[in-house]
Amino acid sequence: GNSRQVELAEVAARLQSDLDPTVAEAAIWAQAQLEKL
């Protein structure tokens, strides 16, 4: 449900602050996919 989406958004936000640009980029992409749901 929605709580799962919030959970994923929090994880994505945390990953976006990752020092590895590849990880940060993947997190940004994942968050964009979540927003389409």
PDB file of N, CA and C in Angstrom:
ATOM      1  N   GLY A   1       0.813  -1.208   0.000  1.00  0.00           N
ATOM      2  CA  GLY A   1       0.000   0.000   0.000  1.00  0.00           C
ATOM      3  C   GLY A   1       0.848   1.260   0.000  1.00  0.00           C
ATOM      4  N   ASN A   2       0.299   2.311   0.551  1.00  0.00           N
ATOM      5  CA  ASN A   2       0.970   3.603   0.538  1.00  0.00           C
ATOM      6  C   ASN A   2       2.175   3.667   1.456  1.00  0.00           C
ATOM      7  N   SER A   3       2.093   2.989   2.615  1.00  0.00           N
ATOM      8  CA  SER A   3       3.203   3.031   3.566  1.00  0.00           C
ATOM      9  C   SER A   3       4.462   2.451   2.941  1.00  0.00           C
ATOM     10  N   ARG A   4       4.280   1.458   2.089  1.00  0.00           N
ATOM     11  CA  ARG A   4       5.418   0.849   1.399  1.00  0.00           C
ATOM     12  C   ARG A   4       6.061   1.862   0.455  1.00  0.00           C
ATOM     13  N   GLN A   5       5.232   2.668  -0.191  1.00  0.00           N
ATOM     14  CA  GLN A   5       5.739   3.679  -1.113  1.00  0.00           C
ATOM     15  C   GLN A   5       6.528   4.734  -0.350  1.00  0.00           C
ATOM     16  N   VAL A   6       6.029   5.102   0.834  1.00  0.00           N
ATOM     17  CA  VAL A   6       6.722   6.083   1.671  1.00  0.00           C
ATOM     18  C   VAL A   6       8.063   5.508   2.100  1.00  0.00           C
ATOM     19  N   GLU A   7       8.057   4.226   2.463  1.00  0.00           N
ATOM     20  CA  GLU A   7       9.288   3.539   2.859  1.00  0.00           C
ATOM     21  C   GLU A   7      10.322   3.607   1.735  1.00  0.00           C
ATOM     22  N   LEU A   8       9.884   3.279   0.530  1.00  0.00           N
ATOM     23  CA  LEU A   8      10.780   3.292  -0.624  1.00  0.00           C
ATOM     24  C   LEU A   8      11.291   4.689  -0.911  1.00  0.00           C
ATOM     25  N   ALA A   9      10.421   5.685  -0.726  1.00  0.00           N
ATOM     26  CA  ALA A   9      10.825   7.066  -0.966  1.00  0.00           C
ATOM     27  C   ALA A   9      11.914   7.480   0.017  1.00  0.00           C
ATOM     28  N   GLU A  10      11.787   7.021   1.266  1.00  0.00           N
ATOM     29  CA  GLU A  10      12.795   7.346   2.277  1.00  0.00           C
ATOM     30  C   GLU A  10      14.130   6.700   1.934  1.00  0.00           C
ATOM     31  N   VAL A  11      14.070   5.460   1.476  1.00  0.00           N
ATOM     32  CA  VAL A  11      15.289   4.761   1.075  1.00  0.00           C
ATOM     33  C   VAL A  11      15.928   5.476  -0.111  1.00  0.00           C
ATOM     34  N   ALA A  12      15.095   5.870  -1.070  1.00  0.00           N
ATOM     35  CA  ALA A  12      15.602   6.563  -2.253  1.00  0.00           C
ATOM     36  C   ALA A  12      16.261   7.882  -1.869  1.00  0.00           C
ATOM     37  N   ALA A  13      15.640   8.595  -0.932  1.00  0.00           N
ATOM     38  CA  ALA A  13      16.202   9.869  -0.495  1.00  0.00           C
ATOM     39  C   ALA A  13      17.556   9.657   0.164  1.00  0.00           C
ATOM     40  N   ARG A  14      17.660   8.587   0.947  1.00  0.00           N
ATOM     41  CA  ARG A  14      18.921   8.279   1.617  1.00  0.00           C
ATOM     42  C   ARG A  14      19.988   7.919   0.592  1.00  0.00           C
ATOM     43  N   LEU A  15      19.597   7.146  -0.413  1.00  0.00           N
ATOM     44  CA  LEU A  15      20.547   6.736  -1.442  1.00  0.00           C
ATOM     45  C   LEU A  15      21.016   7.914  -2.284  1.00  0.00           C
ATOM     46  N   GLN A  16      20.139   8.920  -2.441  1.00  0.00           N
ATOM     47  CA  GLN A  16      20.511  10.072  -3.257  1.00  0.00           C
ATOM     48  C   GLN A  16      21.653  10.854  -2.635  1.00  0.00           C
ATOM     49  N   SER A  17      21.818  10.728  -1.313  1.00  0.00           N
ATOM     50  CA  SER A  17      22.917  11.428  -0.644  1.00  0.00           C
ATOM     51  C   SER A  17      24.178  10.573  -0.632  1.00  0.00           C
ATOM     52  N   ASP A  18      24.096   9.394  -1.276  1.00  0.00           N
ATOM     53  CA  ASP A  18      25.257   8.509  -1.364  1.00  0.00           C
ATOM     54  C   ASP A  18      26.370   9.191  -2.151  1.00  0.00           C
ATOM     55  N   LEU A  19      27.600   8.922  -1.746  1.00  0.00           N
ATOM     56  CA  LEU A  19      28.739   9.556  -2.404  1.00  0.00           C
ATOM     57  C   LEU A  19      28.985   9.013  -3.807  1.00  0.00           C
ATOM     58  N   ASP A  20      28.537   7.774  -4.049  1.00  0.00           N
ATOM     59  CA  ASP A  20      28.729   7.174  -5.364  1.00  0.00           C
ATOM     60  C   ASP A  20      27.693   7.748  -6.333  1.00  0.00           C
ATOM     61  N   PRO A  21      28.133   8.480  -7.360  1.00  0.00           N
ATOM     62  CA  PRO A  21      27.184   9.111  -8.281  1.00  0.00           C
ATOM     63  C   PRO A  21      26.285   8.117  -9.006  1.00  0.00           C
ATOM     64  N   THR A  22      26.770   6.913  -9.216  1.00  0.00           N
ATOM     65  CA  THR A  22      25.950   5.901  -9.879  1.00  0.00           C
ATOM     66  C   THR A  22      24.772   5.519  -8.998  1.00  0.00           C
ATOM     67  N   VAL A  23      25.048   5.355  -7.703  1.00  0.00           N
ATOM     68  CA  VAL A  23      23.996   5.000  -6.745  1.00  0.00           C
ATOM     69  C   VAL A  23      22.987   6.142  -6.635  1.00  0.00           C
ATOM     70  N   ALA A  24      23.503   7.364  -6.551  1.00  0.00           N
ATOM     71  CA  ALA A  24      22.623   8.526  -6.439  1.00  0.00           C
ATOM     72  C   ALA A  24      21.729   8.645  -7.668  1.00  0.00           C
ATOM     73  N   GLU A  25      22.310   8.410  -8.839  1.00  0.00           N
ATOM     74  CA  GLU A  25      21.544   8.500 -10.081  1.00  0.00           C
ATOM     75  C   GLU A  25      20.472   7.419 -10.140  1.00  0.00           C
ATOM     76  N   ALA A  26      20.820   6.222  -9.697  1.00  0.00           N
ATOM     77  CA  ALA A  26      19.855   5.126  -9.676  1.00  0.00           C
ATOM     78  C   ALA A  26      18.706   5.449  -8.725  1.00  0.00           C
ATOM     79  N   ALA A  27      19.025   6.078  -7.601  1.00  0.00           N
ATOM     80  CA  ALA A  27      17.997   6.434  -6.630  1.00  0.00           C
ATOM     81  C   ALA A  27      17.050   7.485  -7.204  1.00  0.00           C
ATOM     82  N   ILE A  28      17.615   8.442  -7.925  1.00  0.00           N
ATOM     83  CA  ILE A  28      16.790   9.479  -8.554  1.00  0.00           C
ATOM     84  C   ILE A  28      15.864   8.841  -9.580  1.00  0.00           C
ATOM     85  N   TRP A  29      16.395   7.894 -10.349  1.00  0.00           N
ATOM     86  CA  TRP A  29      15.584   7.187 -11.343  1.00  0.00           C
ATOM     87  C   TRP A  29      14.469   6.403 -10.659  1.00  0.00           C
ATOM     88  N   ALA A  30      14.821   5.704  -9.587  1.00  0.00           N
ATOM     89  CA  ALA A  30      13.838   4.892  -8.869  1.00  0.00           C
ATOM     90  C   ALA A  30      12.720   5.763  -8.309  1.00  0.00           C
ATOM     91  N   GLN A  31      13.090   6.931  -7.804  1.00  0.00           N
ATOM     92  CA  GLN A  31      12.086   7.821  -7.243  1.00  0.00           C
ATOM     93  C   GLN A  31      11.150   8.330  -8.344  1.00  0.00           C
ATOM     94  N   ALA A  32      11.709   8.587  -9.515  1.00  0.00           N
ATOM     95  CA  ALA A  32      10.889   9.025 -10.642  1.00  0.00           C
ATOM     96  C   ALA A  32       9.891   7.936 -11.028  1.00  0.00           C
ATOM     97  N   GLN A  33      10.322   6.679 -10.970  1.00  0.00           N
ATOM     98  CA  GLN A  33       9.431   5.563 -11.279  1.00  0.00           C
ATOM     99  C   GLN A  33       8.317   5.480 -10.241  1.00  0.00           C
ATOM    100  N   LEU A  34       8.663   5.696  -8.971  1.00  0.00           N
ATOM    101  CA  LEU A  34       7.671   5.645  -7.897  1.00  0.00           C
ATOM    102  C   LEU A  34       6.599   6.709  -8.097  1.00  0.00           C
ATOM    103  N   GLU A  35       7.013   7.891  -8.535  1.00  0.00           N
ATOM    104  CA  GLU A  35       6.066   8.986  -8.692  1.00  0.00           C
ATOM    105  C   GLU A  35       5.081   8.724  -9.824  1.00  0.00           C
ATOM    106  N   LYS A  36       5.452   7.833 -10.746  1.00  0.00           N
ATOM    107  CA  LYS A  36       4.556   7.486 -11.852  1.00  0.00           C
ATOM    108  C   LYS A  36       3.446   6.536 -11.401  1.00  0.00           C
ATOM    109  N   LEU A  37       3.646   5.859 -10.292  1.00  0.00           N
ATOM    110  CA  LEU A  37       2.678   4.868  -9.819  1.00  0.00           C
ATOM    111  C   LEU A  37       1.350   5.507  -9.414  1.00  0.00           C
TER     112      LEU A  37
END
